[in-house]
């Protein structure tokens, strides 16, 4: 029997604040018995990228997190954003709620975005029967937000099972809508300030003993750290106040049904105008401080993570990128790692902001021209080009 109630498990996982410690096994705790993984991703995401729809891909991926967390009353549960999909770990008692939320996202993504979203719920018990596990660490990106890091191989196995059609979630009825309150994609792409925005995925190879792969991850993180703030693609003062009308239109699709979207769009535009005015004059409005909000956007962003492998979207100069690539090439040649790396000029940010009055809003970072999806495709050697992708 678990000594800690399920809903409190993630809160009891020790917090670490130096990302360099992401490979320290002492920071990880096993998921409690009886838990599940709820996960989803887009079928044919690389084709959607080639068609210039990567912002839509990101929005659909983040909608998985938003829908499930809203369905479980925004409980504190481990999750990870993967660009074209996401995964959330939950107690088994929430399985039916998670299934309903995933099924609703499937229908919404198909009817509003034209995407086929595959979704699955995988029991932790089945993962452990395969000799794998799901281990959780808690990295504090800022004093207000922490993100789950995953190791043990269980997430990767669950994803493969989902792609093979196993553990699938039953479809919801047409017209079913998830609760996506708080999900937004208003910000324009964030341009590189140092050289290029680079999305990197590195996973252990056939010869990648734990220590050797950990040393590789540590070395890559250390090189990125030389750039300052770990290669964070968003400046410390926050992104420039520049908003995308396409992003607003996407958010309207998320938050309002057809026939009620004009007023929703008008309300969002007025919100942004007020934010810009408050920022310009430097005056808070009640509990809301525009400058502080922008700074929190930068601090609360998930530009690097560990999900059975290293995932980073960093702003890095040519010299440091060359050193990182050399390390990755050597590790791949020696069977220590397999990797995918994708360059682009800007980053994208998709946000989950239940309320701007609270400082725990979350911001998911990816590359603006293919990002993690293209990097992952390079690992599997799928043919994909992001040359014409627009956000």
Protein backbone atom coordinates (compact mmCIF):
# COMPACT_ATOMS: atom_id res chain seq x y z
CA UNK A 1 0.00 0.00 0.00
CA UNK A 2 1.29 3.47 -0.84
CA UNK A 3 2.08 5.58 2.22
CA UNK A 4 1.33 8.80 0.30
CA UNK A 5 -2.14 9.51 -1.15
CA UNK A 6 -2.12 9.39 -4.95
CA UNK A 7 -3.11 13.03 -5.38
CA UNK A 8 -0.11 14.08 -3.25
CA UNK A 9 2.53 11.89 -4.88
CA UNK A 10 4.06 14.46 -7.23
CA UNK A 11 4.20 17.06 -4.46
CA UNK A 12 6.36 14.68 -2.40
CA UNK A 13 8.94 14.15 -5.15
CA UNK A 14 12.10 16.10 -4.20
CA UNK A 15 12.59 19.29 -6.21
CA UNK A 16 15.91 20.02 -7.92
CA UNK A 17 16.78 23.43 -9.33
CA UNK A 18 19.93 22.82 -11.39
CA UNK A 19 18.98 21.19 -14.69
CA UNK A 20 22.44 19.58 -14.79
CA UNK A 21 21.09 17.20 -12.10
CA UNK A 22 18.48 15.78 -14.47
CA UNK A 23 20.51 12.56 -14.87
CA UNK A 24 20.97 12.04 -11.11
CA UNK A 25 19.06 8.86 -10.30
CA UNK A 26 18.66 10.07 -6.73
CA UNK A 27 16.22 12.71 -7.91
CA UNK A 28 13.77 10.15 -9.33
CA UNK A 29 10.94 8.28 -7.65
CA UNK A 30 8.86 5.41 -9.12
CA UNK A 31 5.22 6.06 -9.93
CA UNK A 32 2.94 4.45 -7.34
CA UNK A 33 1.38 1.09 -8.14
CA UNK A 34 -1.93 1.25 -9.94
CA UNK A 35 -1.17 4.40 -11.94
CA UNK A 36 -1.72 4.88 -15.67
CA UNK A 37 -0.20 6.85 -18.52
CA UNK A 38 -2.65 8.88 -20.62
CA UNK A 39 -1.04 9.90 -23.89
CA UNK A 40 -1.84 11.11 -27.39
CA UNK A 41 -0.14 12.33 -30.53
CA UNK A 42 -1.00 13.39 -34.07
CA UNK A 43 -1.01 10.86 -36.88
CA UNK A 44 0.94 12.29 -39.80
CA UNK A 45 2.34 15.25 -37.91
CA UNK A 46 5.32 15.45 -40.26
CA UNK A 47 2.97 15.91 -43.22
CA UNK A 48 1.14 18.66 -41.31
CA UNK A 49 4.50 20.33 -40.71
CA UNK A 50 5.36 20.20 -44.39
CA UNK A 51 1.99 21.84 -45.08
CA UNK A 52 3.00 24.77 -42.85
CA UNK A 53 0.79 23.90 -39.88
CA UNK A 54 3.28 23.44 -37.08
CA UNK A 55 1.55 25.94 -34.78
CA UNK A 56 -1.63 23.91 -35.16
CA UNK A 57 0.40 20.79 -34.36
CA UNK A 58 1.73 22.41 -31.16
CA UNK A 59 -1.75 23.58 -30.20
CA UNK A 60 -3.15 20.07 -30.59
CA UNK A 61 -0.27 18.61 -28.58
CA UNK A 62 -0.74 21.05 -25.71
CA UNK A 63 -4.51 20.52 -25.80
CA UNK A 64 -3.93 17.01 -24.44
CA UNK A 65 -2.39 18.45 -21.27
CA UNK A 66 -5.04 21.16 -20.95
CA UNK A 67 -7.98 18.80 -21.43
CA UNK A 68 -6.77 16.16 -18.97
CA UNK A 69 -5.63 18.59 -16.27
CA UNK A 70 -8.90 20.53 -16.51
CA UNK A 71 -10.84 17.27 -16.31
CA UNK A 72 -9.06 16.29 -13.09
CA UNK A 73 -9.58 19.77 -11.59
CA UNK A 74 -6.02 20.93 -12.37
CA UNK A 75 -4.52 18.40 -9.97
CA UNK A 76 -0.76 18.28 -9.51
CA UNK A 77 0.16 15.35 -11.76
CA UNK A 78 3.30 14.68 -13.84
CA UNK A 79 3.11 15.46 -17.56
CA UNK A 80 5.39 16.16 -20.51
CA UNK A 81 4.80 18.11 -23.73
CA UNK A 82 6.32 16.57 -26.84
CA UNK A 83 5.48 19.04 -29.61
CA UNK A 84 2.97 16.92 -31.53
CA UNK A 85 1.59 15.17 -28.47
CA UNK A 86 1.77 14.83 -24.71
CA UNK A 87 1.65 12.37 -21.82
CA UNK A 88 0.18 12.64 -18.33
CA UNK A 89 0.67 10.19 -15.44
CA UNK A 90 -2.41 9.72 -13.27
CA UNK A 91 -3.77 7.51 -10.49
CA UNK A 92 -5.81 4.59 -11.77
CA UNK A 93 -8.89 6.01 -10.03
CA UNK A 94 -8.91 8.78 -12.68
CA UNK A 95 -8.73 6.43 -15.68
CA UNK A 96 -12.30 6.96 -16.92
CA UNK A 97 -12.01 10.74 -16.56
CA UNK A 98 -8.76 10.65 -18.54
CA UNK A 99 -10.32 8.45 -21.23
CA UNK A 100 -13.24 10.84 -21.64
CA UNK A 101 -10.90 13.85 -21.85
CA UNK A 102 -8.67 12.17 -24.46
CA UNK A 103 -11.68 11.08 -26.49
CA UNK A 104 -13.05 14.63 -26.47
CA UNK A 105 -9.68 16.01 -27.63
CA UNK A 106 -9.66 13.47 -30.47
CA UNK A 107 -13.00 14.68 -31.79
CA UNK A 108 -12.11 18.36 -31.33
CA UNK A 109 -8.78 17.96 -33.14
CA UNK A 110 -10.47 16.16 -36.02
CA UNK A 111 -13.44 18.50 -36.41
CA UNK A 112 -11.68 21.82 -35.77
CA UNK A 113 -8.13 21.19 -37.01
CA UNK A 114 -8.50 18.26 -39.38
CA UNK A 115 -6.02 16.13 -37.39
CA UNK A 116 -6.30 12.46 -36.53
CA UNK A 117 -5.21 12.14 -32.92
CA UNK A 118 -4.39 8.70 -31.63
CA UNK A 119 -4.80 8.30 -27.88
CA UNK A 120 -4.14 5.55 -25.39
CA UNK A 121 -4.27 4.75 -21.70
CA UNK A 122 -1.48 2.37 -20.64
CA UNK A 123 -1.43 0.74 -17.18
CA UNK A 124 1.81 1.05 -15.25
CA UNK A 125 1.46 -2.62 -14.31
CA UNK A 126 1.86 -3.64 -17.97
CA UNK A 127 4.96 -1.47 -18.29
CA UNK A 128 6.54 -3.12 -15.25
CA UNK A 129 5.73 -6.56 -16.59
CA UNK A 130 7.99 -5.66 -19.52
CA UNK A 131 10.86 -5.01 -17.11
CA UNK A 132 10.58 -1.24 -17.51
CA UNK A 133 9.44 1.50 -15.17
CA UNK A 134 8.25 5.11 -15.01
CA UNK A 135 10.45 7.16 -12.71
CA UNK A 136 9.59 10.77 -11.91
CA UNK A 137 11.78 13.72 -10.95
CA UNK A 138 10.62 17.28 -10.32
CA UNK A 139 12.60 20.13 -11.85
CA UNK A 140 11.80 23.64 -10.65
CA UNK A 141 11.95 25.92 -13.67
CA UNK A 142 11.03 28.89 -11.46
CA UNK A 143 9.74 29.46 -7.91
CA UNK A 144 6.21 29.09 -9.30
CA UNK A 145 6.36 26.17 -11.74
CA UNK A 146 7.99 22.76 -11.74
CA UNK A 147 7.95 20.19 -14.52
CA UNK A 148 8.14 16.42 -14.39
CA UNK A 149 11.15 14.59 -15.78
CA UNK A 150 10.63 10.95 -16.79
CA UNK A 151 13.03 8.02 -16.97
CA UNK A 152 12.87 4.24 -16.82
CA UNK A 153 11.84 3.50 -20.41
CA UNK A 154 8.13 3.24 -19.64
CA UNK A 155 7.06 6.35 -21.53
CA UNK A 156 8.86 5.23 -24.69
CA UNK A 157 7.30 1.76 -24.49
CA UNK A 158 3.83 3.24 -23.97
CA UNK A 159 4.28 5.49 -27.00
CA UNK A 160 5.32 2.55 -29.18
CA UNK A 161 2.30 0.60 -28.01
CA UNK A 162 0.02 3.51 -28.86
CA UNK A 163 1.49 3.82 -32.35
CA UNK A 164 0.94 0.09 -32.85
CA UNK A 165 -2.75 0.56 -32.07
CA UNK A 166 -2.72 -0.96 -28.58
CA UNK A 167 -4.50 0.44 -25.50
CA UNK A 168 -6.53 2.76 -27.73
CA UNK A 169 -9.19 5.07 -26.32
CA UNK A 170 -12.72 4.63 -27.67
CA UNK A 171 -13.98 7.52 -29.80
CA UNK A 172 -16.39 10.06 -28.37
CA UNK A 173 -19.57 11.15 -30.11
CA UNK A 174 -19.31 13.75 -32.89
CA UNK A 175 -19.45 17.28 -31.54
CA UNK A 176 -17.95 16.35 -28.17
CA UNK A 177 -15.74 19.13 -26.86
CA UNK A 178 -12.99 19.00 -24.22
CA UNK A 179 -12.53 21.66 -21.57
CA UNK A 180 -9.53 23.60 -22.91
CA UNK A 181 -9.89 26.63 -20.67
CA UNK A 182 -6.58 28.43 -20.27
CA UNK A 183 -4.99 27.10 -23.46
CA UNK A 184 -3.65 29.86 -25.71
CA UNK A 185 -1.11 30.55 -28.46
CA UNK A 186 -1.19 34.34 -28.73
CA UNK A 187 2.53 35.10 -28.91
CA UNK A 188 4.33 35.61 -32.18
CA UNK A 189 7.39 33.44 -32.92
CA UNK A 190 10.39 34.38 -30.79
CA UNK A 191 13.44 35.11 -32.92
CA UNK A 192 16.91 33.80 -32.09
CA UNK A 193 19.23 36.32 -30.43
CA UNK A 194 22.42 34.23 -30.48
CA UNK A 195 22.41 32.32 -33.77
CA UNK A 196 19.78 29.64 -34.24
CA UNK A 197 16.94 28.01 -32.37
CA UNK A 198 17.87 24.34 -32.20
CA UNK A 199 15.58 21.48 -31.19
CA UNK A 200 17.53 18.46 -29.94
CA UNK A 201 16.40 14.97 -28.96
CA UNK A 202 19.00 12.49 -27.70
CA UNK A 203 18.11 8.98 -26.53
CA UNK A 204 20.31 6.13 -25.38
CA UNK A 205 21.67 3.86 -28.11
CA UNK A 206 22.27 0.12 -28.12
CA UNK A 207 25.65 0.55 -26.41
CA UNK A 208 24.55 3.46 -24.24
CA UNK A 209 25.26 2.24 -20.73
CA UNK A 210 23.68 4.48 -18.12
CA UNK A 211 26.87 6.29 -17.11
CA UNK A 212 28.02 6.95 -20.68
CA UNK A 213 24.68 8.41 -21.76
CA UNK A 214 24.45 10.47 -18.57
CA UNK A 215 27.89 11.93 -19.29
CA UNK A 216 26.74 12.88 -22.78
CA UNK A 217 23.64 14.64 -21.45
CA UNK A 218 25.69 16.46 -18.82
CA UNK A 219 28.19 17.64 -21.43
CA UNK A 220 25.48 18.95 -23.79
CA UNK A 221 23.69 20.79 -20.99
CA UNK A 222 27.00 22.31 -19.87
CA UNK A 223 27.78 23.65 -23.36
CA UNK A 224 24.30 25.16 -23.64
CA UNK A 225 24.75 26.73 -20.21
CA UNK A 226 27.78 28.66 -21.49
CA UNK A 227 25.35 30.68 -23.63
CA UNK A 228 23.74 31.98 -20.46
CA UNK A 229 20.49 30.79 -18.83
CA UNK A 230 21.07 27.38 -20.39
CA UNK A 231 20.40 28.64 -23.90
CA UNK A 232 16.89 29.78 -22.96
CA UNK A 233 15.19 31.01 -26.17
CA UNK A 234 13.13 33.64 -24.34
CA UNK A 235 14.93 36.72 -22.94
CA UNK A 236 14.81 37.15 -19.13
CA UNK A 237 12.49 40.16 -19.42
CA UNK A 238 10.04 37.99 -21.35
CA UNK A 239 9.06 37.90 -25.02
CA UNK A 240 8.48 41.05 -27.01
CA UNK A 241 4.87 42.16 -26.82
CA UNK A 242 3.86 41.02 -30.26
CA UNK A 243 0.82 38.88 -30.83
CA UNK A 244 -0.28 36.67 -33.70
CA UNK A 245 -3.76 37.11 -35.17
CA UNK A 246 -3.50 33.55 -36.45
CA UNK A 247 -2.76 32.51 -32.90
CA UNK A 248 -5.78 34.40 -31.64
CA UNK A 249 -7.94 32.69 -34.25
CA UNK A 250 -6.64 29.32 -33.06
CA UNK A 251 -7.43 30.22 -29.47
CA UNK A 252 -10.96 31.21 -30.46
CA UNK A 253 -11.42 27.74 -31.97
CA UNK A 254 -10.33 26.30 -28.64
CA UNK A 255 -12.49 28.38 -26.33
CA UNK A 256 -15.70 29.06 -28.24
CA UNK A 257 -18.13 27.01 -30.33
CA UNK A 258 -19.07 28.04 -33.84
CA UNK A 259 -21.52 30.89 -33.86
CA UNK A 260 -20.09 32.46 -30.69
CA UNK A 261 -16.60 33.27 -31.82
CA UNK A 262 -16.80 36.92 -32.76
CA UNK A 263 -17.35 38.12 -29.21
CA UNK A 264 -14.67 35.75 -27.90
CA UNK A 265 -12.17 37.10 -30.41
CA UNK A 266 -13.10 40.68 -29.53
CA UNK A 267 -12.61 39.94 -25.82
CA UNK A 268 -9.14 38.44 -26.46
CA UNK A 269 -8.09 41.42 -28.58
CA UNK A 270 -9.25 43.81 -25.85
CA UNK A 271 -7.33 41.78 -23.25
CA UNK A 272 -4.15 42.07 -25.31
CA UNK A 273 -4.65 45.79 -25.88
CA UNK A 274 -5.00 46.27 -22.12
CA UNK A 275 -1.88 44.16 -21.47
CA UNK A 276 0.12 46.25 -23.93
CA UNK A 277 -1.12 49.52 -22.43
CA UNK A 278 -0.37 48.43 -18.86
CA UNK A 279 3.10 47.28 -19.85
CA UNK A 280 3.83 50.52 -21.69
CA UNK A 281 2.86 52.77 -18.78
CA UNK A 282 4.34 50.42 -16.19
CA UNK A 283 1.24 50.37 -14.03
CA UNK A 284 -0.31 47.27 -12.40
CA UNK A 285 -4.05 46.70 -12.47
CA UNK A 286 -5.13 45.26 -9.16
CA UNK A 287 -3.14 42.04 -8.66
CA UNK A 288 -2.02 41.93 -12.29
CA UNK A 289 1.41 43.33 -13.16
CA UNK A 290 2.17 43.17 -16.91
CA UNK A 291 5.94 43.41 -16.49
CA UNK A 292 5.99 40.68 -13.86
CA UNK A 293 3.74 38.53 -16.05
CA UNK A 294 6.17 38.78 -18.98
CA UNK A 295 9.10 37.87 -16.75
CA UNK A 296 7.16 34.88 -15.40
CA UNK A 297 6.47 33.75 -18.97
CA UNK A 298 10.23 33.37 -19.46
CA UNK A 299 10.85 31.78 -16.07
CA UNK A 300 7.99 29.30 -16.33
CA UNK A 301 8.89 27.92 -19.78
CA UNK A 302 9.75 24.25 -20.41
CA UNK A 303 12.50 24.71 -23.02
CA UNK A 304 14.40 21.67 -21.73
CA UNK A 305 13.26 18.38 -20.26
CA UNK A 306 14.07 14.69 -19.85
CA UNK A 307 11.58 12.15 -21.20
CA UNK A 308 13.47 8.85 -21.49
CA UNK A 309 16.04 11.06 -23.19
CA UNK A 310 17.12 14.67 -23.43
CA UNK A 311 14.86 17.17 -25.20
CA UNK A 312 15.92 20.80 -25.59
CA UNK A 313 14.91 23.77 -27.71
CA UNK A 314 17.72 26.26 -27.18
CA UNK A 315 19.03 29.51 -28.62
CA UNK A 316 22.70 28.87 -29.35
CA UNK A 317 25.56 30.33 -31.38
CA UNK A 318 27.39 28.52 -34.18
CA UNK A 319 30.52 27.65 -32.18
CA UNK A 320 28.63 26.00 -29.32
CA UNK A 321 26.26 24.24 -31.70
CA UNK A 322 29.25 22.77 -33.54
CA UNK A 323 30.60 21.38 -30.26
CA UNK A 324 27.21 19.90 -29.36
CA UNK A 325 26.89 18.27 -32.78
CA UNK A 326 30.38 16.81 -32.49
CA UNK A 327 29.51 15.21 -29.16
CA UNK A 328 26.28 13.80 -30.57
CA UNK A 329 27.98 12.46 -33.71
CA UNK A 330 30.65 10.73 -31.65
CA UNK A 331 28.07 9.25 -29.30
CA UNK A 332 25.96 8.01 -32.19
CA UNK A 333 28.97 6.45 -33.93
CA UNK A 334 29.83 4.64 -30.71
CA UNK A 335 26.29 3.37 -30.17
CA UNK A 336 25.93 5.44 -26.99
CA UNK A 337 23.08 7.57 -28.33
CA UNK A 338 20.75 8.19 -31.22
CA UNK A 339 19.81 11.76 -31.89
CA UNK A 340 17.85 14.18 -34.02
CA UNK A 341 18.67 17.87 -34.34
CA UNK A 342 16.71 20.52 -36.18
CA UNK A 343 17.68 24.16 -36.78
CA UNK A 344 15.29 27.08 -37.19
CA UNK A 345 15.28 30.84 -36.81
CA UNK A 346 12.63 31.16 -34.12
CA UNK A 347 10.80 29.39 -31.31
CA UNK A 348 7.09 28.93 -30.66
CA UNK A 349 5.29 29.18 -27.36
CA UNK A 350 1.97 27.55 -26.51
CA UNK A 351 0.58 28.44 -23.10
CA UNK A 352 -1.64 27.01 -20.38
CA UNK A 353 -2.80 29.95 -18.26
CA UNK A 354 -5.73 29.04 -16.00
CA UNK A 355 -5.65 32.62 -14.68
CA UNK A 356 -3.17 35.46 -15.32
CA UNK A 357 -3.63 36.56 -11.70
CA UNK A 358 -1.76 33.46 -10.51
CA UNK A 359 1.97 33.10 -11.18
CA UNK A 360 1.89 29.36 -11.95
CA UNK A 361 1.02 29.71 -15.66
CA UNK A 362 2.92 27.26 -17.89
CA UNK A 363 4.52 27.84 -21.29
CA UNK A 364 5.51 25.06 -23.70
CA UNK A 365 8.44 25.83 -25.99
CA UNK A 366 9.24 24.24 -29.36
CA UNK A 367 10.98 25.25 -32.56
CA UNK A 368 8.89 27.29 -34.99
CA UNK A 369 9.75 25.30 -38.10
CA UNK A 370 9.31 21.68 -37.14
CA UNK A 371 11.00 21.51 -33.75
CA UNK A 372 10.77 18.25 -31.86
CA UNK A 373 8.66 16.51 -34.50
CA UNK A 374 11.32 16.99 -37.18
CA UNK A 375 14.11 16.10 -34.73
CA UNK A 376 12.29 12.88 -33.83
CA UNK A 377 11.76 12.08 -37.49
CA UNK A 378 15.52 12.35 -38.05
CA UNK A 379 16.10 9.71 -35.39
CA UNK A 380 13.78 7.30 -37.19
CA UNK A 381 15.11 8.53 -40.56
CA UNK A 382 11.69 9.48 -41.90
CA UNK A 383 11.75 11.73 -44.94
CA UNK A 384 10.59 15.14 -43.83
CA UNK A 385 11.40 18.69 -44.83
CA UNK A 386 10.39 21.76 -42.88
CA UNK A 387 11.70 24.22 -45.44
CA UNK A 388 8.34 25.81 -46.10
CA UNK A 389 6.89 25.67 -42.62
CA UNK A 390 5.30 28.83 -41.28
CA UNK A 391 3.99 29.36 -37.76
